[in-house]
Amino acid sequence: MKHSIIFLRAAVLGATLVASGCYYPPPAYPVTVGAPASFDRSFAAAAGAMRDQGLAIGTEDRAAGMIIATAGSATVSASVRQQADGSVRVQFDATGARDPALIDRISRSYDARMGR
């Protein structure tokens, strides 16, 4: 009987040590950085990005979500739209641009202004 109590205690101690050696990482949760972009913030960032790249804004219609700017022979437009899910979609288009990297630079300026 004494041996069975010692064996039982040893078994419990062994099970405790084995279980304490297992590591279970915490569940992964998505990390949200900041709040979703608002229409006003996105519109202002789009206009600012165009100015950053030396474009002169001719039309800035917040109600229509349109910004039209020029630089030399290039005309660049920005369309800012509120989506049904609450997100904001911003699209830049250029016509007559001799600089193929112009839209890319505007997009990078926009991202920087949005903190991305």
C-alpha atoms as a PDB file:
ATOM      1  CA  MET A   1       0.000   0.000   0.000  1.00  0.00           C
ATOM      2  CA  LYS A   2       2.868   2.347   0.815  1.00  0.00           C
ATOM      3  CA  HIS A   3       4.378   1.728  -2.613  1.00  0.00           C
ATOM      4  CA  SER A   4       1.102   2.517  -4.363  1.00  0.00           C
ATOM      5  CA  ILE A   5       0.813   5.895  -2.542  1.00  0.00           C
ATOM      6  CA  ILE A   6       4.395   6.770  -3.501  1.00  0.00           C
ATOM      7  CA  PHE A   7       3.692   5.680  -7.088  1.00  0.00           C
ATOM      8  CA  LEU A   8       0.463   7.744  -7.166  1.00  0.00           C
ATOM      9  CA  ARG A   9       2.251  10.848  -5.853  1.00  0.00           C
ATOM     10  CA  ALA A  10       5.058  10.362  -8.378  1.00  0.00           C
ATOM     11  CA  ALA A  11       2.524   9.987 -11.199  1.00  0.00           C
ATOM     12  CA  VAL A  12       0.670  13.165 -10.150  1.00  0.00           C
ATOM     13  CA  LEU A  13       3.951  15.086  -9.845  1.00  0.00           C
ATOM     14  CA  GLY A  14       5.091  13.814 -13.259  1.00  0.00           C
ATOM     15  CA  ALA A  15       1.789  14.782 -14.913  1.00  0.00           C
ATOM     16  CA  THR A  16       1.980  18.230 -13.330  1.00  0.00           C
ATOM     17  CA  LEU A  17       5.521  18.771 -14.605  1.00  0.00           C
ATOM     18  CA  VAL A  18       4.622  17.604 -18.119  1.00  0.00           C
ATOM     19  CA  ALA A  19       1.521  19.828 -18.264  1.00  0.00           C
ATOM     20  CA  SER A  20       3.415  22.860 -16.978  1.00  0.00           C
ATOM     21  CA  GLY A  21       5.981  22.443 -19.746  1.00  0.00           C
ATOM     22  CA  CYS A  22       3.400  22.937 -22.498  1.00  0.00           C
ATOM     23  CA  TYR A  23       3.226  26.411 -23.974  1.00  0.00           C
ATOM     24  CA  TYR A  24       0.020  27.646 -25.514  1.00  0.00           C
ATOM     25  CA  PRO A  25       0.464  31.005 -27.240  1.00  0.00           C
ATOM     26  CA  PRO A  26      -2.299  33.556 -26.808  1.00  0.00           C
ATOM     27  CA  PRO A  27      -4.805  33.663 -29.653  1.00  0.00           C
ATOM     28  CA  ALA A  28      -3.913  35.976 -32.520  1.00  0.00           C
ATOM     29  CA  TYR A  29      -6.200  38.953 -32.798  1.00  0.00           C
ATOM     30  CA  PRO A  30      -6.122  41.396 -35.676  1.00  0.00           C
ATOM     31  CA  VAL A  31      -4.485  44.659 -34.735  1.00  0.00           C
ATOM     32  CA  THR A  32      -6.317  47.782 -35.810  1.00  0.00           C
ATOM     33  CA  VAL A  33      -4.089  50.809 -36.192  1.00  0.00           C
ATOM     34  CA  GLY A  34      -6.117  53.974 -35.906  1.00  0.00           C
ATOM     35  CA  ALA A  35      -9.636  54.513 -37.075  1.00  0.00           C
ATOM     36  CA  PRO A  36     -10.873  53.981 -40.619  1.00  0.00           C
ATOM     37  CA  ALA A  37     -10.227  56.884 -42.940  1.00  0.00           C
ATOM     38  CA  SER A  38     -12.949  59.494 -43.032  1.00  0.00           C
ATOM     39  CA  PHE A  39     -14.159  61.092 -46.256  1.00  0.00           C
ATOM     40  CA  ASP A  40     -13.016  64.565 -45.164  1.00  0.00           C
ATOM     41  CA  ARG A  41      -9.544  63.387 -44.168  1.00  0.00           C
ATOM     42  CA  SER A  42      -9.148  61.406 -47.401  1.00  0.00           C
ATOM     43  CA  PHE A  43     -10.352  64.329 -49.532  1.00  0.00           C
ATOM     44  CA  ALA A  44      -7.936  66.737 -47.829  1.00  0.00           C
ATOM     45  CA  ALA A  45      -5.056  64.248 -48.178  1.00  0.00           C
ATOM     46  CA  ALA A  46      -5.784  63.766 -51.894  1.00  0.00           C
ATOM     47  CA  ALA A  47      -5.778  67.530 -52.532  1.00  0.00           C
ATOM     48  CA  GLY A  48      -2.636  67.961 -50.423  1.00  0.00           C
ATOM     49  CA  ALA A  49      -0.849  65.152 -52.260  1.00  0.00           C
ATOM     50  CA  MET A  50      -1.564  66.827 -55.575  1.00  0.00           C
ATOM     51  CA  ARG A  51      -0.205  70.124 -54.247  1.00  0.00           C
ATOM     52  CA  ASP A  52       2.850  68.300 -52.857  1.00  0.00           C
ATOM     53  CA  GLN A  53       3.722  67.252 -56.408  1.00  0.00           C
ATOM     54  CA  GLY A  54       3.417  70.776 -57.794  1.00  0.00           C
ATOM     55  CA  LEU A  55      -0.037  70.544 -59.357  1.00  0.00           C
ATOM     56  CA  ALA A  56      -2.312  73.578 -59.433  1.00  0.00           C
ATOM     57  CA  ILE A  57      -5.821  72.672 -58.301  1.00  0.00           C
ATOM     58  CA  GLY A  58      -8.491  74.154 -60.552  1.00  0.00           C
ATOM     59  CA  THR A  59     -11.551  72.320 -59.215  1.00  0.00           C
ATOM     60  CA  GLU A  60     -12.080  71.081 -55.670  1.00  0.00           C
ATOM     61  CA  ASP A  61     -15.676  69.868 -55.362  1.00  0.00           C
ATOM     62  CA  ARG A  62     -16.083  68.140 -51.993  1.00  0.00           C
ATOM     63  CA  ALA A  63     -19.798  67.382 -52.561  1.00  0.00           C
ATOM     64  CA  ALA A  64     -19.000  65.512 -55.791  1.00  0.00           C
ATOM     65  CA  GLY A  65     -15.788  64.048 -54.376  1.00  0.00           C
ATOM     66  CA  MET A  66     -13.740  65.394 -57.314  1.00  0.00           C
ATOM     67  CA  ILE A  67     -10.441  67.248 -57.452  1.00  0.00           C
ATOM     68  CA  ILE A  68      -8.987  68.320 -60.801  1.00  0.00           C
ATOM     69  CA  ALA A  69      -5.477  69.748 -61.060  1.00  0.00           C
ATOM     70  CA  THR A  70      -2.975  70.590 -63.776  1.00  0.00           C
ATOM     71  CA  ALA A  71       0.769  70.668 -64.202  1.00  0.00           C
ATOM     72  CA  GLY A  72       1.921  71.767 -67.645  1.00  0.00           C
ATOM     73  CA  SER A  73      -0.007  69.679 -70.177  1.00  0.00           C
ATOM     74  CA  ALA A  74      -1.004  67.065 -67.582  1.00  0.00           C
ATOM     75  CA  THR A  75      -4.441  66.986 -66.035  1.00  0.00           C
ATOM     76  CA  VAL A  76      -4.821  64.866 -62.915  1.00  0.00           C
ATOM     77  CA  SER A  77      -8.132  64.036 -61.293  1.00  0.00           C
ATOM     78  CA  ALA A  78      -8.828  62.515 -57.927  1.00  0.00           C
ATOM     79  CA  SER A  79     -12.099  60.774 -57.168  1.00  0.00           C
ATOM     80  CA  VAL A  80     -12.991  60.314 -53.498  1.00  0.00           C
ATOM     81  CA  ARG A  81     -15.965  58.039 -52.816  1.00  0.00           C
ATOM     82  CA  GLN A  82     -17.589  56.800 -49.617  1.00  0.00           C
ATOM     83  CA  GLN A  83     -18.258  53.036 -49.986  1.00  0.00           C
ATOM     84  CA  ALA A  84     -21.356  51.260 -48.701  1.00  0.00           C
ATOM     85  CA  ASP A  85     -19.283  49.529 -45.986  1.00  0.00           C
ATOM     86  CA  GLY A  86     -18.086  52.896 -44.654  1.00  0.00           C
ATOM     87  CA  SER A  87     -14.625  52.776 -46.205  1.00  0.00           C
ATOM     88  CA  VAL A  88     -13.343  55.481 -48.525  1.00  0.00           C
ATOM     89  CA  ARG A  89     -12.013  54.822 -52.030  1.00  0.00           C
ATOM     90  CA  VAL A  90      -9.587  57.290 -53.607  1.00  0.00           C
ATOM     91  CA  GLN A  91      -8.554  57.016 -57.255  1.00  0.00           C
ATOM     92  CA  PHE A  92      -6.078  59.195 -59.151  1.00  0.00           C
ATOM     93  CA  ASP A  93      -6.129  59.423 -62.968  1.00  0.00           C
ATOM     94  CA  ALA A  94      -3.926  61.427 -65.336  1.00  0.00           C
ATOM     95  CA  THR A  95      -4.235  62.510 -68.946  1.00  0.00           C
ATOM     96  CA  GLY A  96      -1.523  64.133 -71.031  1.00  0.00           C
ATOM     97  CA  ALA A  97       1.171  63.485 -68.444  1.00  0.00           C
ATOM     98  CA  ARG A  98       4.682  63.338 -69.885  1.00  0.00           C
ATOM     99  CA  ASP A  99       5.981  62.007 -66.579  1.00  0.00           C
ATOM    100  CA  PRO A 100       4.883  58.360 -66.181  1.00  0.00           C
ATOM    101  CA  ALA A 101       5.803  58.393 -62.465  1.00  0.00           C
ATOM    102  CA  LEU A 102       3.543  61.351 -61.633  1.00  0.00           C
ATOM    103  CA  ILE A 103       0.588  59.246 -60.428  1.00  0.00           C
ATOM    104  CA  ASP A 104       2.929  57.058 -58.381  1.00  0.00           C
ATOM    105  CA  ARG A 105       4.411  60.108 -56.633  1.00  0.00           C
ATOM    106  CA  ILE A 106       0.946  61.519 -55.935  1.00  0.00           C
ATOM    107  CA  SER A 107      -0.141  58.168 -54.538  1.00  0.00           C
ATOM    108  CA  ARG A 108       2.917  58.014 -52.257  1.00  0.00           C
ATOM    109  CA  SER A 109       2.248  61.571 -51.054  1.00  0.00           C
ATOM    110  CA  TYR A 110      -1.354  60.599 -50.354  1.00  0.00           C
ATOM    111  CA  ASP A 111      -0.248  57.520 -48.380  1.00  0.00           C
ATOM    112  CA  ALA A 112       2.221  59.615 -46.364  1.00  0.00           C
ATOM    113  CA  ARG A 113      -0.482  62.156 -45.541  1.00  0.00           C
ATOM    114  CA  MET A 114      -2.758  59.300 -44.436  1.00  0.00           C
ATOM    115  CA  GLY A 115       0.010  57.903 -42.211  1.00  0.00           C
ATOM    116  CA  ARG A 116       0.545  54.737 -44.207  1.00  0.00           C
END
